[in-house]
């Protein structure tokens, strides 16, 4: 049975908005950036939650080139958030952005959050991109800080996504899923596993949404026109997660 396509982005007569959100670990653009841009473009996202964006020499230019090649603009993040970034389509009206560095544990990588508040028509939504620690205790604390940040964004509806470095049965993943909708569990669509690209066997990347958002489908975009298995494997070491969401009018 063929996988049905996710609904296209649109604004409804009541002011609510259907949007597509893509979460993607791009491995600092160390792989095939043309393939990466083709995958992003084919997903037709309104928001792209990036992990492992370029952080060093000419990182802004590299991220801007990827955005332009995939029909997006850079919203926030990159080196200023220690890797997470957010891209958006021109459909989004930006209210504010904020890059947050999380506490540094000596000997481990610095982590951060890229955050923004945007509007699509009359629908207002907070956005968070994250990449959590490889260490269990630090990862759990970072998940707690993510939820705390979400609660203080001053918006009713929030979408958060990223590379959790943990499966759904892990303590941090379960903690997030208890407070938010795990979009893949709420409305399964496409593929499930996001790592590794050559032999996917783990779901460690996810998109979450607050309870008032309607999840229309979420998963790895395996049967989307314009996306090939070759491009998915060449683009980066993770597979992307695409979600279609309906955001109520504010």
Protein backbone atom coordinates (compact mmCIF):
# COMPACT_ATOMS: atom_id res chain seq x y z
CA UNK A 1 0.00 0.00 0.00
CA UNK A 2 1.42 3.39 -1.02
CA UNK A 3 2.18 5.91 1.69
CA UNK A 4 -0.27 8.86 1.44
CA UNK A 5 1.24 12.29 1.00
CA UNK A 6 1.13 14.79 3.82
CA UNK A 7 -1.17 17.79 3.29
CA UNK A 8 0.35 20.88 1.73
CA UNK A 9 0.92 24.03 3.76
CA UNK A 10 -1.99 26.45 3.75
CA UNK A 11 -3.91 28.95 5.83
CA UNK A 12 -7.50 28.04 6.64
CA UNK A 13 -10.47 30.47 6.57
CA UNK A 14 -10.62 30.41 10.39
CA UNK A 15 -7.03 31.68 10.60
CA UNK A 16 -5.45 28.35 11.56
CA UNK A 17 -2.40 27.23 9.62
CA UNK A 18 -1.24 23.90 8.24
CA UNK A 19 2.54 23.84 8.33
CA UNK A 20 5.28 21.35 7.59
CA UNK A 21 8.12 21.05 10.09
CA UNK A 22 11.34 19.22 9.24
CA UNK A 23 13.93 18.18 11.85
CA UNK A 24 17.33 17.26 10.41
CA UNK A 25 20.84 16.60 11.75
CA UNK A 26 23.04 17.83 8.88
CA UNK A 27 26.43 16.77 10.31
CA UNK A 28 28.04 20.20 9.82
CA UNK A 29 27.58 19.91 6.02
CA UNK A 30 30.35 17.33 5.79
CA UNK A 31 28.50 15.16 3.29
CA UNK A 32 26.71 15.85 -0.03
CA UNK A 33 25.18 19.31 0.40
CA UNK A 34 23.47 19.16 -3.00
CA UNK A 35 21.67 15.98 -1.93
CA UNK A 36 20.82 17.61 1.41
CA UNK A 37 19.31 20.64 -0.34
CA UNK A 38 17.26 18.40 -2.63
CA UNK A 39 15.82 16.49 0.33
CA UNK A 40 14.88 19.68 2.18
CA UNK A 41 13.36 21.23 -0.94
CA UNK A 42 11.27 18.14 -1.70
CA UNK A 43 9.84 18.16 1.84
CA UNK A 44 8.51 21.71 1.25
CA UNK A 45 8.90 22.70 4.91
CA UNK A 46 7.77 25.93 6.52
CA UNK A 47 10.27 25.38 9.35
CA UNK A 48 13.52 23.41 9.35
CA UNK A 49 14.93 22.51 12.76
CA UNK A 50 18.63 21.92 12.14
CA UNK A 51 21.13 20.12 14.36
CA UNK A 52 24.90 20.19 13.85
CA UNK A 53 24.83 23.34 11.75
CA UNK A 54 28.29 24.68 10.81
CA UNK A 55 29.93 26.34 13.84
CA UNK A 56 33.38 27.40 12.71
CA UNK A 57 35.06 29.16 9.77
CA UNK A 58 32.47 31.07 7.66
CA UNK A 59 29.63 29.21 9.33
CA UNK A 60 27.05 31.92 8.58
CA UNK A 61 27.84 31.83 4.87
CA UNK A 62 27.65 28.02 4.75
CA UNK A 63 24.29 27.95 6.51
CA UNK A 64 22.95 30.74 4.30
CA UNK A 65 24.00 28.84 1.18
CA UNK A 66 22.14 25.74 2.32
CA UNK A 67 19.05 27.82 3.09
CA UNK A 68 19.11 29.51 -0.32
CA UNK A 69 19.66 26.20 -2.13
CA UNK A 70 16.62 24.68 -0.40
CA UNK A 71 14.20 27.61 -0.68
CA UNK A 72 14.60 28.77 2.92
CA UNK A 73 16.08 31.66 4.87
CA UNK A 74 18.12 31.49 8.07
CA UNK A 75 15.96 32.37 11.04
CA UNK A 76 18.37 31.87 13.94
CA UNK A 77 21.02 29.63 15.46
CA UNK A 78 24.22 28.00 14.27
CA UNK A 79 27.41 28.70 16.19
CA UNK A 80 25.54 31.09 18.52
CA UNK A 81 23.44 28.15 19.75
CA UNK A 82 26.32 25.62 19.66
CA UNK A 83 24.89 23.83 16.63
CA UNK A 84 21.07 23.95 16.56
CA UNK A 85 19.57 26.33 14.01
CA UNK A 86 16.19 27.16 12.49
CA UNK A 87 15.44 27.87 8.84
CA UNK A 88 12.06 29.06 7.61
CA UNK A 89 10.15 29.75 4.43
CA UNK A 90 9.07 33.24 3.44
CA UNK A 91 5.60 32.28 4.58
CA UNK A 92 6.67 32.82 8.20
CA UNK A 93 6.45 36.21 9.90
CA UNK A 94 9.15 36.38 12.58
CA UNK A 95 8.34 37.98 15.93
CA UNK A 96 11.55 37.23 17.80
CA UNK A 97 14.49 34.85 18.08
CA UNK A 98 16.77 33.79 20.92
CA UNK A 99 19.84 31.53 20.96
CA UNK A 100 20.54 29.89 24.32
CA UNK A 101 23.74 28.18 25.49
CA UNK A 102 23.15 25.44 28.03
CA UNK A 103 25.51 24.85 30.97
CA UNK A 104 28.83 23.32 29.94
CA UNK A 105 29.95 20.05 31.49
CA UNK A 106 33.78 19.92 31.46
CA UNK A 107 35.03 17.45 28.88
CA UNK A 108 31.77 17.34 26.94
CA UNK A 109 30.50 19.29 23.93
CA UNK A 110 28.70 22.57 24.55
CA UNK A 111 24.97 22.32 23.81
CA UNK A 112 22.35 24.96 23.15
CA UNK A 113 18.84 25.75 21.94
CA UNK A 114 17.79 27.78 18.91
CA UNK A 115 14.39 29.33 19.61
CA UNK A 116 11.96 31.63 17.83
CA UNK A 117 8.37 32.82 17.81
CA UNK A 118 6.75 33.06 14.36
CA UNK A 119 3.32 33.56 12.84
CA UNK A 120 1.62 31.93 9.89
CA UNK A 121 -1.46 34.02 9.19
CA UNK A 122 -3.28 34.23 12.51
CA UNK A 123 -1.48 31.20 13.95
CA UNK A 124 1.33 32.01 16.38
CA UNK A 125 3.83 29.33 17.36
CA UNK A 126 7.04 28.99 19.35
CA UNK A 127 9.83 26.90 17.83
CA UNK A 128 12.79 25.12 19.46
CA UNK A 129 15.62 23.18 17.81
CA UNK A 130 17.79 21.05 20.09
CA UNK A 131 20.62 18.50 20.09
CA UNK A 132 20.90 16.76 23.43
CA UNK A 133 23.93 15.26 25.15
CA UNK A 134 25.39 11.80 24.64
CA UNK A 135 25.56 11.38 28.44
CA UNK A 136 22.40 10.18 30.16
CA UNK A 137 22.37 12.47 33.21
CA UNK A 138 23.28 15.60 31.27
CA UNK A 139 20.76 14.73 28.56
CA UNK A 140 17.95 14.45 31.10
CA UNK A 141 18.82 17.83 32.61
CA UNK A 142 18.90 19.39 29.14
CA UNK A 143 15.46 17.93 28.43
CA UNK A 144 14.20 19.51 31.64
CA UNK A 145 15.66 22.87 30.62
CA UNK A 146 14.04 22.56 27.19
CA UNK A 147 10.62 22.13 28.78
CA UNK A 148 11.29 25.03 31.14
CA UNK A 149 12.22 27.24 28.19
CA UNK A 150 9.11 26.13 26.31
CA UNK A 151 6.90 27.05 29.26
CA UNK A 152 8.34 30.58 29.37
CA UNK A 153 8.12 31.46 25.66
CA UNK A 154 4.84 33.31 26.19
CA UNK A 155 2.95 31.43 23.46
CA UNK A 156 0.20 28.83 23.70
CA UNK A 157 1.50 26.58 20.94
CA UNK A 158 5.09 25.35 20.60
CA UNK A 159 6.89 22.89 18.31
CA UNK A 160 10.21 21.40 19.42
CA UNK A 161 12.41 18.99 17.55
CA UNK A 162 15.88 17.64 17.25
CA UNK A 163 18.41 14.91 17.76
CA UNK A 164 17.75 13.49 21.25
CA UNK A 165 20.56 10.92 21.17
CA UNK A 166 18.10 8.56 22.85
CA UNK A 167 15.42 6.06 21.88
CA UNK A 168 11.74 6.50 22.83
CA UNK A 169 12.11 4.18 25.84
CA UNK A 170 14.86 6.33 27.36
CA UNK A 171 14.18 8.57 30.39
CA UNK A 172 14.63 11.90 28.60
CA UNK A 173 12.54 10.93 25.59
CA UNK A 174 9.79 9.64 27.91
CA UNK A 175 9.95 12.83 29.99
CA UNK A 176 9.45 14.98 26.88
CA UNK A 177 6.71 12.73 25.52
CA UNK A 178 4.83 12.92 28.84
CA UNK A 179 4.66 16.72 28.61
CA UNK A 180 4.26 17.05 24.83
CA UNK A 181 2.90 15.11 21.89
CA UNK A 182 5.50 12.86 20.30
CA UNK A 183 4.29 13.56 16.77
CA UNK A 184 5.45 10.23 15.34
CA UNK A 185 3.48 8.30 17.98
CA UNK A 186 0.44 10.56 17.65
CA UNK A 187 0.13 10.24 13.85
CA UNK A 188 2.59 7.74 12.32
CA UNK A 189 3.50 8.37 8.69
CA UNK A 190 6.46 7.38 6.52
CA UNK A 191 9.44 5.63 8.08
CA UNK A 192 10.23 5.29 11.77
CA UNK A 193 13.98 4.94 12.26
CA UNK A 194 16.33 7.91 11.81
CA UNK A 195 19.81 6.47 12.45
CA UNK A 196 21.97 5.28 10.83
CA UNK A 197 21.38 6.29 7.24
CA UNK A 198 22.78 3.06 5.76
CA UNK A 199 20.91 0.67 8.07
CA UNK A 200 18.28 2.59 10.06
CA UNK A 201 17.49 0.80 13.31
CA UNK A 202 17.00 3.55 15.92
CA UNK A 203 14.59 6.45 16.33
CA UNK A 204 16.66 9.11 18.08
CA UNK A 205 15.32 12.18 16.22
CA UNK A 206 11.83 13.53 16.91
CA UNK A 207 9.35 16.37 16.57
CA UNK A 208 7.19 17.27 19.58
CA UNK A 209 4.19 19.59 19.81
CA UNK A 210 2.11 21.05 22.61
CA UNK A 211 -1.32 19.53 23.17
CA UNK A 212 -3.38 22.11 21.27
CA UNK A 213 -1.63 21.41 17.96
CA UNK A 214 -3.24 18.83 15.65
CA UNK A 215 -0.70 16.35 14.31
CA UNK A 216 -1.62 15.21 10.80
CA UNK A 217 1.36 12.93 10.19
CA UNK A 218 5.00 12.51 11.16
CA UNK A 219 7.91 10.31 10.13
CA UNK A 220 10.86 9.84 7.82
CA UNK A 221 9.90 11.07 4.32
CA UNK A 222 10.63 7.93 2.30
CA UNK A 223 7.97 8.17 -0.41
CA UNK A 224 7.90 11.91 -1.09
CA UNK A 225 8.20 12.94 -4.75
CA UNK A 226 11.69 14.30 -5.40
CA UNK A 227 13.36 12.32 -2.59
CA UNK A 228 15.49 9.34 -3.51
CA UNK A 229 17.07 6.70 -1.30
CA UNK A 230 20.42 7.75 -2.75
CA UNK A 231 19.97 11.36 -1.66
CA UNK A 232 18.83 10.34 1.83
CA UNK A 233 21.96 8.27 2.29
CA UNK A 234 24.30 10.86 0.76
CA UNK A 235 22.99 13.95 2.53
CA UNK A 236 24.09 13.25 6.13
CA UNK A 237 24.35 10.42 8.66
CA UNK A 238 20.79 10.89 10.00
CA UNK A 239 17.44 10.60 8.26
CA UNK A 240 15.08 13.57 8.54
CA UNK A 241 11.77 13.73 10.38
CA UNK A 242 8.89 15.54 8.63
CA UNK A 243 5.67 16.52 10.42
CA UNK A 244 2.47 18.11 9.15
CA UNK A 245 0.79 20.14 11.88
CA UNK A 246 -2.30 22.29 12.20
CA UNK A 247 -1.72 25.33 14.42
CA UNK A 248 -4.90 26.98 15.78
CA UNK A 249 -5.41 30.67 15.24
CA UNK A 250 -4.26 32.74 18.19
